[in-house]
């Protein structure tokens, strides 16, 4: 396999005259002086101002390595320090070059040329426009005058560079963990979504739309995106959060876009507005679906043009902000029903992410439980822990399908705060968990929803492991039993219809066996 090498002519490093030039290390000439490194073809980029130097270098290479074919390529760069010009010229060359990697070994020399040229060559090699390895050469040590120096081949695919790639991967993992507030979430779909959000946050300034129910973490995530962009110097301004559901009537326009002095009754002074406060920073509009049609129209202009009119003013003002919008509504439905502007939705829908409710991320309840306990400790200065059985019982309850978590992570945070506050001696015990799970069930109980009170009292701890299908039937059976004076009376009432189809029946025995399925007997049922 032959070796083809791409390099820039070094206007300073390759320059030398007279016989003394052989005592000087000249990078492109030295490439062809190594006994164990044969260059079959050297593609040499040069500027017309250095044509004479190019001819000298070609002649010297022909003298020391006649088997090397030097292919000069004129690259007329007006400004070799202009990144766009240099990258464009090399890109066009690479796109037009006839590469045959199955027959040739390609190397890209990154020692000569301006720093801009070296960076561009690296980028084009990394992205495989040059299907090559990188080659770095260095001069000989002082005691080795006259030698060809040293060569170092950098293959970006080799394992020796896995450490470098690993550092980038570790940094990205750390960034994503920061977006999740340090919580090692386990839900694969959620983790993939966070990975996408991290890429979008660092590579795009387009609006981001976060969909999800109340308490799913939209506000939390928006603030973490801001902190990430701020850390990477992509934002200089502050974080401005607005709950659009709190903006009502004439005050909504003024709060968002500001107003001029005297714009309306009571406007005794000018107001800058929240959009201007977010200039250079990030604006998070939570519950954006609550905005009225006028506010939506003004917001569209502000997002697209970065300019808008304050209320009562005929002079435009500017604000360059990054927008993240959040809503629990289905904006596509809102558009179809005429409650949300289609053009604004199209502008917001560039990057849309659905934050799932807690009940769809049950595997993330345990790490969030630990996070909330740690946060409680930091905020209140008390280190609180579950004992092992209490933790098991709480998680068993939290992971059940019947656990609604209607408020999502707000429910979980409030629950942990209550447990930690009431825990004696910094330990959450089983009775603490039983009281808290009962409180949660009462909070989640909707109007007209059956709570199965008789089943709860009769089954005790076994209630949590009983299917709702059985609870509906057992609740009715227990209600009849409590209204009857004997087991036989209850049996006759419960099996009145099926008894007619049988020649003989023992209603008491049938009811006794039914109750025994749940570990119950007549005395226990009657005793409550």
Protein backbone atom coordinates (compact mmCIF):
# COMPACT_ATOMS: atom_id res chain seq x y z
CA UNK A 1 0.00 0.00 0.00
CA UNK A 2 1.45 3.35 -1.04
CA UNK A 3 1.61 6.42 1.18
CA UNK A 4 0.15 9.75 0.09
CA UNK A 5 0.82 12.73 2.32
CA UNK A 6 -0.94 16.14 2.36
CA UNK A 7 0.95 19.12 3.72
CA UNK A 8 1.25 22.91 3.59
CA UNK A 9 4.52 24.45 2.41
CA UNK A 10 6.10 26.11 5.42
CA UNK A 11 6.87 29.67 4.37
CA UNK A 12 9.28 30.02 7.30
CA UNK A 13 10.17 26.51 8.44
CA UNK A 14 10.88 25.18 4.91
CA UNK A 15 12.84 28.27 3.86
CA UNK A 16 16.65 28.08 3.64
CA UNK A 17 19.31 28.83 1.05
CA UNK A 18 22.78 27.67 0.16
CA UNK A 19 24.51 24.51 1.22
CA UNK A 20 23.79 25.32 4.84
CA UNK A 21 20.16 24.53 4.28
CA UNK A 22 20.96 20.83 4.73
CA UNK A 23 21.94 21.53 8.33
CA UNK A 24 18.54 23.05 9.04
CA UNK A 25 15.45 21.02 9.87
CA UNK A 26 12.88 21.71 7.15
CA UNK A 27 9.64 19.84 7.89
CA UNK A 28 8.53 18.90 4.37
CA UNK A 29 12.03 17.99 3.23
CA UNK A 30 12.66 16.05 6.44
CA UNK A 31 9.53 13.97 5.82
CA UNK A 32 11.38 12.34 2.95
CA UNK A 33 14.65 11.81 4.83
CA UNK A 34 13.48 8.99 7.11
CA UNK A 35 14.94 5.62 6.12
CA UNK A 36 12.01 3.66 7.52
CA UNK A 37 9.28 6.01 6.29
CA UNK A 38 8.69 6.20 2.56
CA UNK A 39 6.48 8.93 1.09
CA UNK A 40 5.27 7.86 -2.36
CA UNK A 41 3.34 11.07 -3.07
CA UNK A 42 3.54 14.43 -1.32
CA UNK A 43 0.65 16.80 -2.08
CA UNK A 44 2.03 20.21 -1.16
CA UNK A 45 -0.31 23.21 -0.77
CA UNK A 46 1.32 26.57 -1.45
CA UNK A 47 0.60 30.23 -2.16
CA UNK A 48 1.75 31.91 -5.37
CA UNK A 49 3.95 34.29 -3.32
CA UNK A 50 6.15 31.32 -2.42
CA UNK A 51 6.54 29.72 -5.84
CA UNK A 52 10.37 29.99 -5.72
CA UNK A 53 10.46 28.31 -2.32
CA UNK A 54 8.18 25.58 -3.61
CA UNK A 55 10.55 24.91 -6.52
CA UNK A 56 13.52 24.71 -4.15
CA UNK A 57 11.73 22.25 -1.85
CA UNK A 58 10.63 20.09 -4.80
CA UNK A 59 14.21 19.98 -6.09
CA UNK A 60 15.65 19.05 -2.68
CA UNK A 61 13.10 16.29 -2.17
CA UNK A 62 13.89 14.97 -5.64
CA UNK A 63 17.59 14.87 -4.68
CA UNK A 64 17.19 12.95 -1.41
CA UNK A 65 14.12 10.85 -2.30
CA UNK A 66 13.77 10.47 -6.07
CA UNK A 67 11.01 7.87 -5.58
CA UNK A 68 8.75 10.53 -3.99
CA UNK A 69 6.38 12.28 -6.37
CA UNK A 70 5.75 15.87 -5.25
CA UNK A 71 2.43 17.28 -6.40
CA UNK A 72 2.29 21.06 -5.85
CA UNK A 73 -1.26 22.41 -5.40
CA UNK A 74 -1.68 26.16 -5.75
CA UNK A 75 -4.06 27.40 -3.05
CA UNK A 76 -4.58 31.16 -3.60
CA UNK A 77 -5.61 32.26 -0.11
CA UNK A 78 -6.06 36.00 0.27
CA UNK A 79 -5.84 35.70 4.04
CA UNK A 80 -4.36 32.44 5.41
CA UNK A 81 -5.65 33.43 8.86
CA UNK A 82 -9.27 33.63 7.74
CA UNK A 83 -10.96 30.53 9.09
CA UNK A 84 -13.89 30.55 6.65
CA UNK A 85 -11.64 31.04 3.60
CA UNK A 86 -9.08 28.39 4.58
CA UNK A 87 -11.69 25.81 5.60
CA UNK A 88 -13.66 26.42 2.41
CA UNK A 89 -10.61 25.98 0.19
CA UNK A 90 -9.53 22.74 1.87
CA UNK A 91 -13.09 21.44 1.92
CA UNK A 92 -13.47 22.00 -1.83
CA UNK A 93 -10.12 20.29 -2.44
CA UNK A 94 -11.07 17.26 -0.34
CA UNK A 95 -14.48 16.96 -2.03
CA UNK A 96 -12.84 16.97 -5.45
CA UNK A 97 -9.84 14.71 -4.73
CA UNK A 98 -9.95 11.14 -5.99
CA UNK A 99 -9.26 9.14 -2.83
CA UNK A 100 -8.65 5.39 -2.97
CA UNK A 101 -8.23 4.34 0.68
CA UNK A 102 -8.27 0.65 -0.24
CA UNK A 103 -5.06 1.17 -2.22
CA UNK A 104 -3.39 4.10 -0.47
CA UNK A 105 -2.49 5.10 3.04
CA UNK A 106 -3.28 8.78 3.48
CA UNK A 107 -1.61 11.07 6.01
CA UNK A 108 -2.32 14.72 6.78
CA UNK A 109 0.70 16.69 8.01
CA UNK A 110 -0.32 19.29 10.64
CA UNK A 111 3.08 20.78 11.48
CA UNK A 112 3.31 23.45 8.78
CA UNK A 113 0.88 26.15 7.69
CA UNK A 114 -0.89 28.70 9.89
CA UNK A 115 -2.64 27.59 13.06
CA UNK A 116 -5.91 28.14 11.20
CA UNK A 117 -4.79 25.76 8.44
CA UNK A 118 -3.76 23.15 11.01
CA UNK A 119 -7.12 23.36 12.77
CA UNK A 120 -9.00 23.08 9.48
CA UNK A 121 -6.96 20.04 8.44
CA UNK A 122 -7.70 18.43 11.80
CA UNK A 123 -11.44 19.06 11.50
CA UNK A 124 -11.63 17.77 7.93
CA UNK A 125 -9.70 14.66 8.91
CA UNK A 126 -11.80 14.03 11.99
CA UNK A 127 -14.98 14.23 9.90
CA UNK A 128 -13.40 11.92 7.27
CA UNK A 129 -13.39 14.38 4.38
CA UNK A 130 -9.74 13.40 4.35
CA UNK A 131 -9.88 9.61 4.95
CA UNK A 132 -6.52 9.82 6.64
CA UNK A 133 -4.45 9.73 9.77
CA UNK A 134 -2.79 12.82 11.19
CA UNK A 135 0.97 13.17 11.06
CA UNK A 136 2.94 15.46 13.33
CA UNK A 137 6.67 16.02 12.81
CA UNK A 138 9.16 17.66 15.15
CA UNK A 139 12.80 18.78 14.83
CA UNK A 140 15.71 16.72 16.15
CA UNK A 141 17.16 17.33 19.57
CA UNK A 142 20.22 19.57 19.74
CA UNK A 143 22.64 16.64 19.93
CA UNK A 144 21.08 15.19 16.76
CA UNK A 145 21.75 18.05 14.32
CA UNK A 146 21.30 17.00 10.73
CA UNK A 147 18.83 14.21 11.48
CA UNK A 148 15.32 14.05 10.02
CA UNK A 149 13.66 14.66 13.39
CA UNK A 150 10.72 12.73 14.76
CA UNK A 151 7.37 11.61 13.38
CA UNK A 152 4.20 10.88 15.33
CA UNK A 153 1.23 9.36 13.52
CA UNK A 154 -2.10 10.23 15.16
CA UNK A 155 -4.89 7.85 14.26
CA UNK A 156 -8.11 9.20 15.74
CA UNK A 157 -9.52 5.65 15.62
CA UNK A 158 -6.72 4.07 17.66
CA UNK A 159 -7.24 3.01 21.25
CA UNK A 160 -4.48 5.33 22.47
CA UNK A 161 -6.92 8.17 21.84
CA UNK A 162 -9.80 6.48 23.62
CA UNK A 163 -8.72 8.28 26.78
CA UNK A 164 -9.23 11.63 25.07
CA UNK A 165 -12.61 10.50 23.73
CA UNK A 166 -13.42 9.16 27.18
CA UNK A 167 -12.80 12.56 28.69
CA UNK A 168 -15.30 14.13 26.34
CA UNK A 169 -17.79 11.35 27.06
CA UNK A 170 -17.31 11.80 30.81
CA UNK A 171 -17.79 15.55 30.49
CA UNK A 172 -20.97 15.04 28.50
CA UNK A 173 -22.26 12.53 31.05
CA UNK A 174 -21.52 15.04 33.80
CA UNK A 175 -23.40 17.71 31.84
CA UNK A 176 -26.45 15.47 31.43
CA UNK A 177 -26.33 14.58 35.12
CA UNK A 178 -26.37 18.30 35.89
CA UNK A 179 -29.48 18.69 33.73
CA UNK A 180 -31.06 16.00 35.90
CA UNK A 181 -29.97 17.82 39.08
CA UNK A 182 -27.51 15.07 39.87
CA UNK A 183 -30.20 12.36 39.98
CA UNK A 184 -29.07 9.07 38.43
CA UNK A 185 -32.36 8.42 36.65
CA UNK A 186 -32.98 4.92 35.30
CA UNK A 187 -35.74 5.46 32.74
CA UNK A 188 -34.09 4.86 29.35
CA UNK A 189 -36.46 7.08 27.35
CA UNK A 190 -36.03 9.97 29.78
CA UNK A 191 -32.25 9.64 29.74
CA UNK A 192 -32.21 9.66 25.93
CA UNK A 193 -34.35 12.78 25.95
CA UNK A 194 -31.95 14.51 28.36
CA UNK A 195 -29.10 13.63 25.99
CA UNK A 196 -30.94 15.33 23.14
CA UNK A 197 -31.77 18.37 25.26
CA UNK A 198 -28.09 18.73 26.18
CA UNK A 199 -27.09 18.73 22.50
CA UNK A 200 -29.83 21.20 21.57
CA UNK A 201 -28.99 23.48 24.49
CA UNK A 202 -25.34 23.77 23.46
CA UNK A 203 -25.80 23.86 19.69
CA UNK A 204 -28.99 25.82 19.07
CA UNK A 205 -30.61 29.10 20.02
CA UNK A 206 -34.01 28.12 18.62
CA UNK A 207 -36.99 28.03 21.00
CA UNK A 208 -37.53 24.86 23.02
CA UNK A 209 -41.00 23.58 23.95
CA UNK A 210 -41.35 21.40 27.06
CA UNK A 211 -44.61 19.46 27.28
CA UNK A 212 -45.76 17.61 30.34
CA UNK A 213 -48.17 17.64 33.28
CA UNK A 214 -47.85 19.96 36.25
CA UNK A 215 -45.01 18.90 38.50
CA UNK A 216 -43.14 16.91 35.82
CA UNK A 217 -40.09 19.17 36.19
CA UNK A 218 -40.38 21.66 33.31
CA UNK A 219 -39.30 24.67 35.37
CA UNK A 220 -36.50 22.72 37.01
CA UNK A 221 -35.15 21.59 33.65
CA UNK A 222 -35.39 25.06 32.10
CA UNK A 223 -33.25 26.48 34.90
CA UNK A 224 -30.68 23.71 34.46
CA UNK A 225 -30.47 24.47 30.73
CA UNK A 226 -29.84 28.10 31.60
CA UNK A 227 -27.08 27.19 34.06
CA UNK A 228 -25.45 24.97 31.43
CA UNK A 229 -25.49 27.65 28.74
CA UNK A 230 -24.29 30.25 31.23
CA UNK A 231 -21.38 28.02 32.22
CA UNK A 232 -20.39 27.65 28.57
CA UNK A 233 -20.54 31.46 28.09
CA UNK A 234 -23.44 31.18 25.65
CA UNK A 235 -25.60 33.50 27.76
CA UNK A 236 -24.67 36.63 29.64
CA UNK A 237 -28.05 37.69 30.98
CA UNK A 238 -30.24 36.25 33.70
CA UNK A 239 -32.94 33.62 34.02
CA UNK A 240 -36.47 35.05 33.87
CA UNK A 241 -39.36 32.72 34.68
CA UNK A 242 -42.97 33.66 33.99
CA UNK A 243 -46.07 31.61 34.79
CA UNK A 244 -48.42 32.78 32.04
CA UNK A 245 -51.42 31.48 33.98
CA UNK A 246 -50.89 34.36 36.42
CA UNK A 247 -51.06 36.99 33.68
CA UNK A 248 -54.61 38.19 33.26
CA UNK A 249 -56.37 41.06 31.53
CA UNK A 250 -54.72 44.32 30.55
CA UNK A 251 -51.81 43.70 32.88
CA UNK A 252 -50.57 40.72 30.84
CA UNK A 253 -49.27 42.81 27.93
CA UNK A 254 -47.64 45.29 30.27
CA UNK A 255 -45.98 42.58 32.36
CA UNK A 256 -44.50 40.85 29.33
CA UNK A 257 -43.68 43.70 26.96
CA UNK A 258 -43.56 46.72 29.24
CA UNK A 259 -45.38 49.99 28.77
CA UNK A 260 -44.68 53.65 28.18
CA UNK A 261 -45.42 56.30 30.76
CA UNK A 262 -49.09 57.32 30.55
CA UNK A 263 -50.00 54.32 28.35
CA UNK A 264 -53.08 53.70 30.52
CA UNK A 265 -54.62 54.86 33.76
CA UNK A 266 -52.15 54.23 36.54
CA UNK A 267 -49.07 54.04 34.27
CA UNK A 268 -47.30 56.87 36.12
CA UNK A 269 -43.89 55.64 34.94
CA UNK A 270 -42.47 53.47 32.18
CA UNK A 271 -42.01 49.73 32.70
CA UNK A 272 -39.40 47.65 30.90
CA UNK A 273 -41.29 44.32 30.99
CA UNK A 274 -40.13 40.77 31.48
CA UNK A 275 -38.97 40.20 27.89
CA UNK A 276 -36.52 43.08 28.16
CA UNK A 277 -35.38 41.81 31.55
CA UNK A 278 -34.40 38.57 29.80
CA UNK A 279 -32.16 40.35 27.26
CA UNK A 280 -29.01 38.29 26.79
CA UNK A 281 -30.40 35.52 28.99
CA UNK A 282 -33.09 32.86 29.03
CA UNK A 283 -36.84 33.45 29.23
CA UNK A 284 -38.95 30.57 30.48
CA UNK A 285 -42.66 31.01 29.73
CA UNK A 286 -44.43 28.32 31.74
CA UNK A 287 -48.03 27.48 30.82
CA UNK A 288 -47.68 29.37 27.54
CA UNK A 289 -51.02 27.95 26.41
CA UNK A 290 -52.71 30.36 28.84
CA UNK A 291 -51.64 33.46 26.88
CA UNK A 292 -54.36 35.41 25.08
CA UNK A 293 -54.37 36.01 21.31
CA UNK A 294 -52.88 39.52 21.54
CA UNK A 295 -50.01 38.36 23.73
CA UNK A 296 -49.38 35.45 21.36
CA UNK A 297 -49.12 37.79 18.37
CA UNK A 298 -46.70 40.12 20.16
CA UNK A 299 -44.62 37.18 21.38
CA UNK A 300 -44.30 35.78 17.85
CA UNK A 301 -42.84 39.08 16.65
CA UNK A 302 -40.48 39.22 19.63
CA UNK A 303 -39.24 35.67 19.02
CA UNK A 304 -38.74 36.11 15.29
CA UNK A 305 -37.44 39.67 15.14
CA UNK A 306 -36.10 40.19 18.67
CA UNK A 307 -38.01 43.48 18.63
CA UNK A 308 -41.46 44.57 19.81
CA UNK A 309 -43.51 47.61 20.87
CA UNK A 310 -44.16 48.25 24.57
CA UNK A 311 -47.78 49.05 25.37
CA UNK A 312 -48.59 52.64 24.45
CA UNK A 313 -45.25 53.27 22.71
CA UNK A 314 -44.56 53.94 19.04
CA UNK A 315 -40.88 53.06 19.40
CA UNK A 316 -39.63 49.53 19.08
CA UNK A 317 -37.32 48.06 21.68
CA UNK A 318 -35.06 45.04 21.35
CA UNK A 319 -34.39 41.99 23.49
CA UNK A 320 -32.24 39.06 22.38
CA UNK A 321 -33.31 36.17 24.61
CA UNK A 322 -33.32 32.40 24.41
CA UNK A 323 -36.90 31.09 24.82
CA UNK A 324 -38.04 27.94 26.55
CA UNK A 325 -41.80 27.46 26.75
CA UNK A 326 -43.66 24.98 28.88
CA UNK A 327 -47.26 23.77 28.91
CA UNK A 328 -49.42 20.93 30.15
CA UNK A 329 -51.82 21.48 27.26
CA UNK A 330 -51.77 19.77 23.88
CA UNK A 331 -50.97 22.81 21.73
CA UNK A 332 -51.80 20.96 18.51
CA UNK A 333 -55.36 20.55 19.81
CA UNK A 334 -55.39 24.17 20.97
CA UNK A 335 -54.40 25.25 17.45
CA UNK A 336 -57.09 23.07 15.85
CA UNK A 337 -59.73 24.58 18.13
CA UNK A 338 -58.56 28.15 17.49
CA UNK A 339 -57.20 28.92 20.96
CA UNK A 340 -53.52 29.08 20.02
CA UNK A 341 -51.88 30.72 17.02
CA UNK A 342 -50.70 28.24 14.42
CA UNK A 343 -47.71 30.38 13.39
CA UNK A 344 -46.51 30.72 16.99
CA UNK A 345 -46.91 26.99 17.55
CA UNK A 346 -44.88 26.31 14.39
CA UNK A 347 -42.14 28.60 15.72
CA UNK A 348 -42.12 26.91 19.12
CA UNK A 349 -42.31 23.40 17.71
CA UNK A 350 -38.73 23.36 16.43
CA UNK A 351 -37.52 21.40 19.46
CA UNK A 352 -40.32 19.73 21.42
CA UNK A 353 -39.71 17.41 24.35
CA UNK A 354 -42.34 15.50 26.31
CA UNK A 355 -41.57 15.18 30.03
CA UNK A 356 -43.38 12.04 31.19
CA UNK A 357 -45.36 12.03 34.46
CA UNK A 358 -43.89 10.27 37.46
CA UNK A 359 -46.24 7.29 37.08
CA UNK A 360 -44.56 6.55 33.73
CA UNK A 361 -41.10 6.75 35.31
CA UNK A 362 -41.60 4.53 38.33
CA UNK A 363 -38.03 3.23 38.13
CA UNK A 364 -36.91 6.81 38.83
CA UNK A 365 -38.86 7.08 42.09
CA UNK A 366 -36.11 5.50 44.20
CA UNK A 367 -33.23 7.77 43.04
CA UNK A 368 -35.53 10.80 43.36
CA UNK A 369 -36.43 9.65 46.87
CA UNK A 370 -32.74 9.75 47.82
CA UNK A 371 -32.36 13.15 46.13
CA UNK A 372 -35.28 14.64 48.05
CA UNK A 373 -33.93 13.33 51.37
CA UNK A 374 -30.52 14.85 50.61
CA UNK A 375 -32.13 18.15 49.62
CA UNK A 376 -34.12 18.18 52.86
CA UNK A 377 -30.92 17.67 54.81
CA UNK A 378 -29.19 20.57 53.05
CA UNK A 379 -32.15 22.90 53.50
CA UNK A 380 -33.00 22.12 57.11
CA UNK A 381 -29.67 20.92 58.44
CA UNK A 382 -31.11 17.55 59.54
CA UNK A 383 -29.82 14.24 58.24
CA UNK A 384 -32.87 11.96 57.96
CA UNK A 385 -32.89 8.35 56.78
CA UNK A 386 -35.38 5.50 56.34
CA UNK A 387 -34.90 2.31 58.28
CA UNK A 388 -34.76 -0.62 55.87
CA UNK A 389 -38.30 -1.94 56.41
CA UNK A 390 -39.86 1.53 56.22
CA UNK A 391 -38.01 2.21 52.96
CA UNK A 392 -39.20 -1.12 51.55
CA UNK A 393 -42.81 -0.36 52.48
CA UNK A 394 -42.70 3.15 51.06
CA UNK A 395 -41.23 2.01 47.75
CA UNK A 396 -43.70 -0.87 47.55
CA UNK A 397 -46.52 1.65 47.87
CA UNK A 398 -44.91 4.21 45.53
CA UNK A 399 -44.35 1.68 42.74
CA UNK A 400 -47.90 0.30 42.71
CA UNK A 401 -50.05 1.10 39.70
CA UNK A 402 -52.66 2.44 42.08
CA UNK A 403 -50.24 5.16 43.29
CA UNK A 404 -51.48 8.06 41.18
CA UNK A 405 -48.76 10.68 41.86
CA UNK A 406 -51.15 13.26 40.48
CA UNK A 407 -48.79 16.11 41.33
CA UNK A 408 -45.83 14.13 39.97
CA UNK A 409 -42.49 15.16 41.49
CA UNK A 410 -44.16 17.85 43.57
CA UNK A 411 -46.17 15.11 45.28
CA UNK A 412 -43.01 13.09 45.90
CA UNK A 413 -41.08 16.10 47.20
CA UNK A 414 -43.91 17.09 49.54
CA UNK A 415 -44.27 13.51 50.77
CA UNK A 416 -40.56 13.18 51.61
CA UNK A 417 -40.60 16.57 53.32
CA UNK A 418 -43.50 15.49 55.53
CA UNK A 419 -41.82 12.19 56.39
CA UNK A 420 -38.50 13.84 57.22
CA UNK A 421 -40.11 16.61 59.27
CA UNK A 422 -42.11 14.19 61.44
CA UNK A 423 -39.35 11.59 61.79
CA UNK A 424 -38.17 11.21 65.40
CA UNK A 425 -34.44 10.95 65.89
CA UNK A 426 -33.73 11.34 62.20
CA UNK A 427 -35.18 7.90 61.36
CA UNK A 428 -38.30 7.28 59.24
CA UNK A 429 -40.06 4.20 60.60
CA UNK A 430 -42.88 1.93 59.45
CA UNK A 431 -45.62 3.80 61.31
CA UNK A 432 -44.42 7.05 59.72
CA UNK A 433 -44.75 5.44 56.29
CA UNK A 434 -48.24 4.08 57.03
CA UNK A 435 -49.48 7.51 58.08
CA UNK A 436 -47.93 9.16 55.01
CA UNK A 437 -49.24 6.63 52.49
CA UNK A 438 -52.71 7.03 53.99
CA UNK A 439 -52.40 10.79 53.64
CA UNK A 440 -51.36 10.45 49.99
CA UNK A 441 -54.30 8.21 49.23
CA UNK A 442 -56.69 10.72 50.77
CA UNK A 443 -55.09 13.53 48.77
CA UNK A 444 -55.46 11.59 45.54
CA UNK A 445 -59.01 10.52 46.17
CA UNK A 446 -61.26 12.18 43.63
CA UNK A 447 -64.90 13.09 44.00
CA UNK A 448 -67.07 9.97 43.92
CA UNK A 449 -64.07 7.62 43.92
CA UNK A 450 -64.48 4.49 46.07
CA UNK A 451 -61.86 4.22 48.81
CA UNK A 452 -62.88 0.68 49.88
CA UNK A 453 -63.04 1.58 53.60
CA UNK A 454 -64.36 -1.83 54.72
CA UNK A 455 -61.68 -3.64 52.75
CA UNK A 456 -58.99 -1.43 54.26
CA UNK A 457 -60.09 -2.19 57.81
CA UNK A 458 -60.61 -5.91 57.20
CA UNK A 459 -57.49 -6.63 55.15
CA UNK A 460 -54.99 -4.41 56.93
CA UNK A 461 -51.54 -4.62 55.31
CA UNK A 462 -52.88 -7.14 52.76
CA UNK A 463 -55.00 -4.35 51.24
CA UNK A 464 -52.00 -2.99 49.30
CA UNK A 465 -51.50 -6.31 47.52
CA UNK A 466 -55.13 -6.90 46.55
CA UNK A 467 -56.30 -6.31 42.97
CA UNK A 468 -58.84 -3.54 42.48
CA UNK A 469 -61.06 -6.08 40.68
CA UNK A 470 -61.36 -8.09 43.93
CA UNK A 471 -61.72 -4.96 46.08
CA UNK A 472 -64.87 -3.87 44.25
CA UNK A 473 -66.55 -7.23 44.91
CA UNK A 474 -65.22 -7.69 48.43
CA UNK A 475 -66.35 -4.21 49.50
CA UNK A 476 -69.95 -5.09 48.56
CA UNK A 477 -69.74 -8.47 50.29
CA UNK A 478 -68.44 -6.91 53.50
CA UNK A 479 -71.18 -4.29 53.44
CA UNK A 480 -73.84 -7.05 53.28
CA UNK A 481 -72.11 -9.05 56.01
CA UNK A 482 -72.05 -6.03 58.35
CA UNK A 483 -75.81 -5.58 57.83
CA UNK A 484 -76.71 -9.21 58.59
CA UNK A 485 -76.92 -10.91 61.96
CA UNK A 486 -75.45 -14.28 60.92
CA UNK A 487 -73.29 -15.98 58.34
CA UNK A 488 -76.28 -17.90 56.95
CA UNK A 489 -78.35 -14.70 56.62
CA UNK A 490 -75.57 -13.01 54.71
CA UNK A 491 -75.13 -16.08 52.51
CA UNK A 492 -78.81 -16.28 51.64
CA UNK A 493 -78.84 -12.59 50.69
CA UNK A 494 -75.65 -12.72 48.60
CA UNK A 495 -76.51 -15.97 46.77
CA UNK A 496 -80.27 -15.50 46.43
CA UNK A 497 -80.35 -15.85 42.64
CA UNK A 498 -77.85 -18.65 42.15
CA UNK A 499 -79.53 -20.72 44.93
CA UNK A 500 -82.68 -20.95 42.80
CA UNK A 501 -80.77 -22.85 40.13
CA UNK A 502 -79.46 -25.50 42.52
CA UNK A 503 -81.22 -28.49 44.08
CA UNK A 504 -79.41 -27.92 47.34
CA UNK A 505 -76.93 -25.31 48.47
CA UNK A 506 -74.97 -24.34 51.51
CA UNK A 507 -74.84 -20.54 51.35
CA UNK A 508 -72.94 -20.31 54.62
CA UNK A 509 -70.18 -22.59 53.37
CA UNK A 510 -69.88 -20.70 50.05
CA UNK A 511 -69.52 -17.37 51.86
CA UNK A 512 -67.05 -18.83 54.38
CA UNK A 513 -64.82 -20.09 51.56
CA UNK A 514 -65.03 -16.75 49.75
CA UNK A 515 -63.93 -14.83 52.85
CA UNK A 516 -61.15 -17.34 53.49
CA UNK A 517 -59.61 -16.44 50.11
CA UNK A 518 -58.69 -13.09 51.69
CA UNK A 519 -57.74 -14.51 55.07
CA UNK A 520 -61.03 -13.40 56.64
CA UNK A 521 -63.62 -15.14 58.82
CA UNK A 522 -67.10 -14.22 60.01
CA UNK A 523 -65.99 -13.13 63.48
CA UNK A 524 -63.31 -10.90 62.04
CA UNK A 525 -65.70 -9.32 59.56
CA UNK A 526 -68.30 -8.65 62.23
CA UNK A 527 -65.69 -7.32 64.63
CA UNK A 528 -64.65 -4.72 62.08
